[in-house]
Amino acid sequence: MTRVALVSGGTRGIGAAISVGLKAAGYTVAANYAGNDERARAFQEETGIAVFKWDVSSYEACVEGIAKVEAAVGPVDILVNNAGITRDAMFHKMTPQQWNEVISTNLTGLFNMTHPVWGGMRDRGFGRIISISSINGQKGQMGQANYSAAKAGDIGFTKALAQEGAAKNITVNAICPGYIATEMVMAVPEKVMNERILPQIPVGRLGQPEEIARCVVFLASDDAGFITGSTITANGGQYFM
């Protein structure tokens, strides 16, 4: 039977590439999204991947949403925690709301999405949890105390949960992308890109969303069954961890 993969934030950017990559690898894919109905409908029409709307910062919404996914396509075997937001500000100007929104989505969202599928994975004796962290969770980033804290927390979550899942054939891993050519990154002014960003990347270019997707497809596969609690650093050599 075809395994089912659920990708949070799975209709845009890196998430969309992951959803498409998993489908191409033979998985039945469901893509979660939070707000952009028009983009989600277009993604579903273009790819044939079913989309489901809910906010990962709400545990109740995740329980309800995952139940709908499983009723539609079957129990979730592979969960990709990709959903994330930014609310950047220098710390002395950062508001409690900016802090809480990022932590709720980018860190608590991992608990909210993983907890409802964990029991089923344990019962079936198979699971793959793959979380998209960030280079800035490894090295920190000025103006992103909230984002860096959440993404560093994703790595700690991964290392702890991997120890619990190992005996049940559930692997738990993280991927830390560097600068990837998504809509957000490509909106950076050309001068900033050429003078401040690209010189930091030894390979001399941005990563492509599909390159992160290929990491996910590998970690989801049976070939990666001996890899757990690990972090794949995919950043073109910008930062070594």
C-alpha atoms as a PDB file:
ATOM      1  CA  MET A   1       0.000   0.000   0.000  1.00  0.00           C
ATOM      2  CA  THR A   2       1.268   3.467  -0.871  1.00  0.00           C
ATOM      3  CA  ARG A   3       2.546   5.396   2.123  1.00  0.00           C
ATOM      4  CA  VAL A   4       0.907   8.698   3.007  1.00  0.00           C
ATOM      5  CA  ALA A   5       2.922  11.885   3.477  1.00  0.00           C
ATOM      6  CA  LEU A   6       1.587  15.082   5.049  1.00  0.00           C
ATOM      7  CA  VAL A   7       3.471  18.331   4.446  1.00  0.00           C
ATOM      8  CA  SER A   8       2.641  21.393   6.536  1.00  0.00           C
ATOM      9  CA  GLY A   9       2.992  24.656   4.649  1.00  0.00           C
ATOM     10  CA  GLY A  10       3.020  22.397   1.625  1.00  0.00           C
ATOM     11  CA  THR A  11       1.601  24.580  -1.155  1.00  0.00           C
ATOM     12  CA  ARG A  12       4.243  27.297  -1.516  1.00  0.00           C
ATOM     13  CA  GLY A  13       8.020  27.670  -1.671  1.00  0.00           C
ATOM     14  CA  ILE A  14      10.071  24.873  -0.165  1.00  0.00           C
ATOM     15  CA  GLY A  15       6.910  23.135   1.014  1.00  0.00           C
ATOM     16  CA  ALA A  16       5.473  22.968  -2.487  1.00  0.00           C
ATOM     17  CA  ALA A  17       8.708  21.468  -3.820  1.00  0.00           C
ATOM     18  CA  ILE A  18       8.627  18.894  -1.024  1.00  0.00           C
ATOM     19  CA  SER A  19       5.022  17.953  -1.772  1.00  0.00           C
ATOM     20  CA  VAL A  20       5.764  17.557  -5.483  1.00  0.00           C
ATOM     21  CA  GLY A  21       8.979  15.634  -4.803  1.00  0.00           C
ATOM     22  CA  LEU A  22       7.243  13.173  -2.498  1.00  0.00           C
ATOM     23  CA  LYS A  23       4.446  12.618  -4.995  1.00  0.00           C
ATOM     24  CA  ALA A  24       7.011  11.962  -7.753  1.00  0.00           C
ATOM     25  CA  ALA A  25       8.666   9.406  -5.445  1.00  0.00           C
ATOM     26  CA  GLY A  26       5.405   7.480  -5.225  1.00  0.00           C
ATOM     27  CA  TYR A  27       3.845   8.719  -1.997  1.00  0.00           C
ATOM     28  CA  THR A  28       0.236   9.783  -1.547  1.00  0.00           C
ATOM     29  CA  VAL A  29       0.652  13.404  -0.485  1.00  0.00           C
ATOM     30  CA  ALA A  30      -1.560  15.810   1.445  1.00  0.00           C
ATOM     31  CA  ALA A  31      -0.490  19.451   1.699  1.00  0.00           C
ATOM     32  CA  ASN A  32      -1.551  21.657   4.580  1.00  0.00           C
ATOM     33  CA  TYR A  33      -1.764  25.424   4.229  1.00  0.00           C
ATOM     34  CA  ALA A  34      -2.845  28.275   6.493  1.00  0.00           C
ATOM     35  CA  GLY A  35      -4.186  31.195   4.536  1.00  0.00           C
ATOM     36  CA  ASN A  36      -3.705  31.658   0.797  1.00  0.00           C
ATOM     37  CA  ASP A  37      -6.773  29.956  -0.645  1.00  0.00           C
ATOM     38  CA  GLU A  38      -6.110  31.086  -4.206  1.00  0.00           C
ATOM     39  CA  ARG A  39      -2.563  29.720  -4.243  1.00  0.00           C
ATOM     40  CA  ALA A  40      -3.680  26.483  -2.618  1.00  0.00           C
ATOM     41  CA  ARG A  41      -6.405  25.921  -5.200  1.00  0.00           C
ATOM     42  CA  ALA A  42      -3.958  26.612  -8.015  1.00  0.00           C
ATOM     43  CA  PHE A  43      -1.429  24.224  -6.471  1.00  0.00           C
ATOM     44  CA  GLN A  44      -4.015  21.454  -6.210  1.00  0.00           C
ATOM     45  CA  GLU A  45      -5.104  21.980  -9.817  1.00  0.00           C
ATOM     46  CA  GLU A  46      -1.513  21.998 -11.065  1.00  0.00           C
ATOM     47  CA  THR A  47      -0.285  18.973  -9.119  1.00  0.00           C
ATOM     48  CA  GLY A  48      -3.308  16.860  -8.211  1.00  0.00           C
ATOM     49  CA  ILE A  49      -2.178  16.961  -4.572  1.00  0.00           C
ATOM     50  CA  ALA A  50      -5.003  17.305  -2.050  1.00  0.00           C
ATOM     51  CA  VAL A  51      -4.847  20.437   0.101  1.00  0.00           C
ATOM     52  CA  PHE A  52      -6.199  20.961   3.602  1.00  0.00           C
ATOM     53  CA  LYS A  53      -6.469  24.276   5.444  1.00  0.00           C
ATOM     54  CA  TRP A  54      -5.664  24.804   9.110  1.00  0.00           C
ATOM     55  CA  ASP A  55      -3.349  26.795  11.388  1.00  0.00           C
ATOM     56  CA  VAL A  56      -0.544  24.652  12.846  1.00  0.00           C
ATOM     57  CA  SER A  57      -0.252  26.974  15.858  1.00  0.00           C
ATOM     58  CA  SER A  58      -3.556  25.517  17.142  1.00  0.00           C
ATOM     59  CA  TYR A  59      -3.423  21.997  18.590  1.00  0.00           C
ATOM     60  CA  GLU A  60      -7.171  21.549  18.194  1.00  0.00           C
ATOM     61  CA  ALA A  61      -6.997  22.621  14.536  1.00  0.00           C
ATOM     62  CA  CYS A  62      -4.182  20.128  13.925  1.00  0.00           C
ATOM     63  CA  VAL A  63      -6.110  17.254  15.508  1.00  0.00           C
ATOM     64  CA  GLU A  64      -9.175  18.092  13.437  1.00  0.00           C
ATOM     65  CA  GLY A  65      -7.212  18.700  10.234  1.00  0.00           C
ATOM     66  CA  ILE A  66      -5.138  15.531  10.493  1.00  0.00           C
ATOM     67  CA  ALA A  67      -8.300  13.524  11.131  1.00  0.00           C
ATOM     68  CA  LYS A  68      -9.694  14.879   7.844  1.00  0.00           C
ATOM     69  CA  VAL A  69      -6.484  13.994   6.018  1.00  0.00           C
ATOM     70  CA  GLU A  70      -6.482  10.462   7.361  1.00  0.00           C
ATOM     71  CA  ALA A  71     -10.165  10.004   6.528  1.00  0.00           C
ATOM     72  CA  ALA A  72      -9.447  11.122   2.967  1.00  0.00           C
ATOM     73  CA  VAL A  73      -6.151   9.405   2.149  1.00  0.00           C
ATOM     74  CA  GLY A  74      -5.225   7.119   5.041  1.00  0.00           C
ATOM     75  CA  PRO A  75      -2.998   7.145   8.137  1.00  0.00           C
ATOM     76  CA  VAL A  76      -0.006   9.490   7.987  1.00  0.00           C
ATOM     77  CA  ASP A  77       3.281   7.599   7.612  1.00  0.00           C
ATOM     78  CA  ILE A  78       5.543  10.564   6.804  1.00  0.00           C
ATOM     79  CA  LEU A  79       5.110  13.974   8.412  1.00  0.00           C
ATOM     80  CA  VAL A  80       7.065  16.945   7.120  1.00  0.00           C
ATOM     81  CA  ASN A  81       6.955  19.902   9.507  1.00  0.00           C
ATOM     82  CA  ASN A  82       7.628  22.736   7.105  1.00  0.00           C
ATOM     83  CA  ALA A  83       5.150  25.476   8.043  1.00  0.00           C
ATOM     84  CA  GLY A  84       6.840  28.617   9.292  1.00  0.00           C
ATOM     85  CA  ILE A  85       6.523  32.385   9.534  1.00  0.00           C
ATOM     86  CA  THR A  86       8.805  35.341  10.209  1.00  0.00           C
ATOM     87  CA  ARG A  87       8.156  38.425  12.307  1.00  0.00           C
ATOM     88  CA  ASP A  88      11.591  40.017  12.159  1.00  0.00           C
ATOM     89  CA  ALA A  89      12.636  42.886  14.408  1.00  0.00           C
ATOM     90  CA  MET A  90      15.649  43.933  16.409  1.00  0.00           C
ATOM     91  CA  PHE A  91      15.187  42.577  19.908  1.00  0.00           C
ATOM     92  CA  HIS A  92      14.785  45.966  21.603  1.00  0.00           C
ATOM     93  CA  LYS A  93      11.860  46.622  19.251  1.00  0.00           C
ATOM     94  CA  MET A  94      10.389  43.110  19.207  1.00  0.00           C
ATOM     95  CA  THR A  95       6.913  42.856  20.687  1.00  0.00           C
ATOM     96  CA  PRO A  96       5.542  39.952  22.728  1.00  0.00           C
ATOM     97  CA  GLN A  97       3.128  39.334  19.865  1.00  0.00           C
ATOM     98  CA  GLN A  98       5.981  39.014  17.343  1.00  0.00           C
ATOM     99  CA  TRP A  99       7.760  36.609  19.661  1.00  0.00           C
ATOM    100  CA  ASN A 100       4.703  34.510  20.456  1.00  0.00           C
ATOM    101  CA  GLU A 101       3.450  34.231  16.867  1.00  0.00           C
ATOM    102  CA  VAL A 102       6.764  32.835  15.629  1.00  0.00           C
ATOM    103  CA  ILE A 103       7.250  30.454  18.564  1.00  0.00           C
ATOM    104  CA  SER A 104       3.646  29.239  18.276  1.00  0.00           C
ATOM    105  CA  THR A 105       3.950  28.406  14.584  1.00  0.00           C
ATOM    106  CA  ASN A 106       7.605  27.464  14.122  1.00  0.00           C
ATOM    107  CA  LEU A 107       8.185  25.513  17.344  1.00  0.00           C
ATOM    108  CA  THR A 108       4.896  24.675  19.062  1.00  0.00           C
ATOM    109  CA  GLY A 109       3.570  23.810  15.609  1.00  0.00           C
ATOM    110  CA  LEU A 110       5.914  20.795  15.589  1.00  0.00           C
ATOM    111  CA  PHE A 111       4.277  19.462  18.748  1.00  0.00           C
ATOM    112  CA  ASN A 112       0.812  20.231  17.424  1.00  0.00           C
ATOM    113  CA  MET A 113       1.400  18.386  14.153  1.00  0.00           C
ATOM    114  CA  THR A 114       3.486  15.487  15.456  1.00  0.00           C
ATOM    115  CA  HIS A 115       1.552  14.553  18.578  1.00  0.00           C
ATOM    116  CA  PRO A 116      -1.669  13.523  16.761  1.00  0.00           C
ATOM    117  CA  VAL A 117       0.192  11.154  14.375  1.00  0.00           C
ATOM    118  CA  TRP A 118       2.717   9.763  16.854  1.00  0.00           C
ATOM    119  CA  GLY A 119       0.439   7.139  18.403  1.00  0.00           C
ATOM    120  CA  GLY A 120      -0.529   5.706  15.033  1.00  0.00           C
ATOM    121  CA  MET A 121       3.081   5.516  13.928  1.00  0.00           C
ATOM    122  CA  ARG A 122       3.981   3.662  17.132  1.00  0.00           C
ATOM    123  CA  ASP A 123       1.106   1.223  16.675  1.00  0.00           C
ATOM    124  CA  ARG A 124       2.018   0.497  13.042  1.00  0.00           C
ATOM    125  CA  GLY A 125       5.746   0.255  13.748  1.00  0.00           C
ATOM    126  CA  PHE A 126       6.774   2.788  11.136  1.00  0.00           C
ATOM    127  CA  GLY A 127       7.094   6.538  10.830  1.00  0.00           C
ATOM    128  CA  ARG A 128       9.140   9.387   9.448  1.00  0.00           C
ATOM    129  CA  ILE A 129       9.155  12.824  11.087  1.00  0.00           C
ATOM    130  CA  ILE A 130      11.141  15.379   9.087  1.00  0.00           C
ATOM    131  CA  SER A 131      11.265  18.971  10.295  1.00  0.00           C
ATOM    132  CA  ILE A 132      12.537  21.933   8.311  1.00  0.00           C
ATOM    133  CA  SER A 133      14.671  24.011  10.642  1.00  0.00           C
ATOM    134  CA  SER A 134      17.077  26.690   9.354  1.00  0.00           C
ATOM    135  CA  ILE A 135      20.688  27.778   9.195  1.00  0.00           C
ATOM    136  CA  ASN A 136      19.599  30.578  11.513  1.00  0.00           C
ATOM    137  CA  GLY A 137      18.596  28.026  14.124  1.00  0.00           C
ATOM    138  CA  GLN A 138      22.208  26.820  14.034  1.00  0.00           C
ATOM    139  CA  LYS A 139      24.141  30.075  13.964  1.00  0.00           C
ATOM    140  CA  GLY A 140      21.587  32.698  15.007  1.00  0.00           C
ATOM    141  CA  GLN A 141      20.661  35.812  13.029  1.00  0.00           C
ATOM    142  CA  MET A 142      20.457  39.456  14.043  1.00  0.00           C
ATOM    143  CA  GLY A 143      16.864  40.662  13.996  1.00  0.00           C
ATOM    144  CA  GLN A 144      15.542  37.121  14.312  1.00  0.00           C
ATOM    145  CA  ALA A 145      15.775  36.234  18.005  1.00  0.00           C
ATOM    146  CA  ASN A 146      12.283  34.743  17.799  1.00  0.00           C
ATOM    147  CA  TYR A 147      12.898  32.789  14.569  1.00  0.00           C
ATOM    148  CA  SER A 148      16.368  31.583  15.577  1.00  0.00           C
ATOM    149  CA  ALA A 149      15.088  30.435  18.972  1.00  0.00           C
ATOM    150  CA  ALA A 150      12.218  28.511  17.391  1.00  0.00           C
ATOM    151  CA  LYS A 151      14.385  26.877  14.751  1.00  0.00           C
ATOM    152  CA  ALA A 152      17.021  25.899  17.315  1.00  0.00           C
ATOM    153  CA  GLY A 153      14.186  24.408  19.348  1.00  0.00           C
ATOM    154  CA  ASP A 154      13.170  22.342  16.315  1.00  0.00           C
ATOM    155  CA  ILE A 155      16.596  20.691  16.400  1.00  0.00           C
ATOM    156  CA  GLY A 156      16.303  19.909  20.121  1.00  0.00           C
ATOM    157  CA  PHE A 157      12.825  18.468  19.530  1.00  0.00           C
ATOM    158  CA  THR A 158      14.269  16.271  16.791  1.00  0.00           C
ATOM    159  CA  LYS A 159      17.107  14.902  18.919  1.00  0.00           C
ATOM    160  CA  ALA A 160      14.847  14.103  21.875  1.00  0.00           C
ATOM    161  CA  LEU A 161      12.000  12.541  19.904  1.00  0.00           C
ATOM    162  CA  ALA A 162      14.395  10.432  17.831  1.00  0.00           C
ATOM    163  CA  GLN A 163      15.378   8.600  21.010  1.00  0.00           C
ATOM    164  CA  GLU A 164      11.738   7.804  21.758  1.00  0.00           C
ATOM    165  CA  GLY A 165      10.870   6.683  18.251  1.00  0.00           C
ATOM    166  CA  ALA A 166      13.862   4.491  17.476  1.00  0.00           C
ATOM    167  CA  ALA A 167      12.511   1.311  19.075  1.00  0.00           C
ATOM    168  CA  LYS A 168       9.281   1.659  17.082  1.00  0.00           C
ATOM    169  CA  ASN A 169      10.985   2.151  13.693  1.00  0.00           C
ATOM    170  CA  ILE A 170      10.167   5.855  13.671  1.00  0.00           C
ATOM    171  CA  THR A 171      12.987   8.108  12.531  1.00  0.00           C
ATOM    172  CA  VAL A 172      13.042  11.798  13.413  1.00  0.00           C
ATOM    173  CA  ASN A 173      15.359  14.137  11.530  1.00  0.00           C
ATOM    174  CA  ALA A 174      15.780  17.806  10.694  1.00  0.00           C
ATOM    175  CA  ILE A 175      16.965  19.732   7.658  1.00  0.00           C
ATOM    176  CA  CYS A 176      18.539  23.173   7.975  1.00  0.00           C
ATOM    177  CA  PRO A 177      18.355  25.061   4.667  1.00  0.00           C
ATOM    178  CA  GLY A 178      20.458  28.107   3.995  1.00  0.00           C
ATOM    179  CA  TYR A 179      19.409  30.759   1.482  1.00  0.00           C
ATOM    180  CA  ILE A 180      16.947  29.126  -0.913  1.00  0.00           C
ATOM    181  CA  ALA A 181      15.495  30.735  -4.048  1.00  0.00           C
ATOM    182  CA  THR A 182      11.944  31.135  -2.787  1.00  0.00           C
ATOM    183  CA  GLU A 183       9.663  34.109  -3.474  1.00  0.00           C
ATOM    184  CA  MET A 184      10.693  35.711  -0.187  1.00  0.00           C
ATOM    185  CA  VAL A 185      14.429  35.451  -0.834  1.00  0.00           C
ATOM    186  CA  MET A 186      14.131  36.456  -4.490  1.00  0.00           C
ATOM    187  CA  ALA A 187      12.391  39.664  -3.380  1.00  0.00           C
ATOM    188  CA  VAL A 188      15.645  40.840  -1.770  1.00  0.00           C
ATOM    189  CA  PRO A 189      17.108  43.805  -3.713  1.00  0.00           C
ATOM    190  CA  GLU A 190      19.707  42.745  -6.298  1.00  0.00           C
ATOM    191  CA  LYS A 191      22.419  44.888  -4.727  1.00  0.00           C
ATOM    192  CA  VAL A 192      21.878  43.266  -1.320  1.00  0.00           C
ATOM    193  CA  MET A 193      21.814  39.825  -2.911  1.00  0.00           C
ATOM    194  CA  ASN A 194      25.045  40.330  -4.854  1.00  0.00           C
ATOM    195  CA  GLU A 195      27.018  42.216  -2.205  1.00  0.00           C
ATOM    196  CA  ARG A 196      25.843  40.765   1.111  1.00  0.00           C
ATOM    197  CA  ILE A 197      24.226  37.366   0.604  1.00  0.00           C
ATOM    198  CA  LEU A 198      25.944  35.507  -2.233  1.00  0.00           C
ATOM    199  CA  PRO A 199      29.487  36.301  -0.987  1.00  0.00           C
ATOM    200  CA  GLN A 200      28.652  34.365   2.201  1.00  0.00           C
ATOM    201  CA  ILE A 201      27.872  31.181   0.250  1.00  0.00           C
ATOM    202  CA  PRO A 202      30.984  29.301  -0.897  1.00  0.00           C
ATOM    203  CA  VAL A 203      29.204  27.566  -3.796  1.00  0.00           C
ATOM    204  CA  GLY A 204      28.301  31.031  -5.085  1.00  0.00           C
ATOM    205  CA  ARG A 205      24.567  30.598  -5.594  1.00  0.00           C
ATOM    206  CA  LEU A 206      21.242  30.215  -3.837  1.00  0.00           C
ATOM    207  CA  GLY A 207      19.876  26.767  -3.198  1.00  0.00           C
ATOM    208  CA  GLN A 208      16.818  25.561  -5.078  1.00  0.00           C
ATOM    209  CA  PRO A 209      13.660  24.356  -3.303  1.00  0.00           C
ATOM    210  CA  GLU A 210      13.983  21.055  -5.149  1.00  0.00           C
ATOM    211  CA  GLU A 211      17.361  20.468  -3.488  1.00  0.00           C
ATOM    212  CA  ILE A 212      15.710  20.573  -0.071  1.00  0.00           C
ATOM    213  CA  ALA A 213      12.919  18.359  -1.372  1.00  0.00           C
ATOM    214  CA  ARG A 214      15.452  15.718  -2.419  1.00  0.00           C
ATOM    215  CA  CYS A 215      16.800  15.656   1.151  1.00  0.00           C
ATOM    216  CA  VAL A 216      13.266  15.074   2.420  1.00  0.00           C
ATOM    217  CA  VAL A 217      12.578  12.303  -0.090  1.00  0.00           C
ATOM    218  CA  PHE A 218      15.746  10.517   1.017  1.00  0.00           C
ATOM    219  CA  LEU A 219      14.953  10.806   4.729  1.00  0.00           C
ATOM    220  CA  ALA A 220      11.415   9.535   4.078  1.00  0.00           C
ATOM    221  CA  SER A 221      12.686   6.428   2.298  1.00  0.00           C
ATOM    222  CA  ASP A 222      13.476   2.967   3.619  1.00  0.00           C
ATOM    223  CA  ASP A 223      17.091   3.645   2.612  1.00  0.00           C
ATOM    224  CA  ALA A 224      17.317   6.178   5.470  1.00  0.00           C
ATOM    225  CA  GLY A 225      16.097   3.789   8.154  1.00  0.00           C
ATOM    226  CA  PHE A 226      19.408   3.922  10.071  1.00  0.00           C
ATOM    227  CA  ILE A 227      19.449   7.727  10.177  1.00  0.00           C
ATOM    228  CA  THR A 228      17.671   9.348  13.101  1.00  0.00           C
ATOM    229  CA  GLY A 229      18.256  12.319  15.378  1.00  0.00           C
ATOM    230  CA  SER A 230      20.322  13.889  12.614  1.00  0.00           C
ATOM    231  CA  THR A 231      20.442  17.325  11.045  1.00  0.00           C
ATOM    232  CA  ILE A 232      21.172  17.721   7.342  1.00  0.00           C
ATOM    233  CA  THR A 233      22.838  21.072   6.753  1.00  0.00           C
ATOM    234  CA  ALA A 234      21.938  22.192   3.226  1.00  0.00           C
ATOM    235  CA  ASN A 235      23.398  25.653   2.831  1.00  0.00           C
ATOM    236  CA  GLY A 236      26.058  25.603   0.109  1.00  0.00           C
ATOM    237  CA  GLY A 237      28.867  25.639   2.656  1.00  0.00           C
ATOM    238  CA  GLN A 238      27.770  28.871   4.319  1.00  0.00           C
ATOM    239  CA  TYR A 239      27.866  27.378   7.804  1.00  0.00           C
ATOM    240  CA  PHE A 240      29.332  24.098   9.033  1.00  0.00           C
ATOM    241  CA  MET A 241      27.620  22.303  11.921  1.00  0.00           C
END
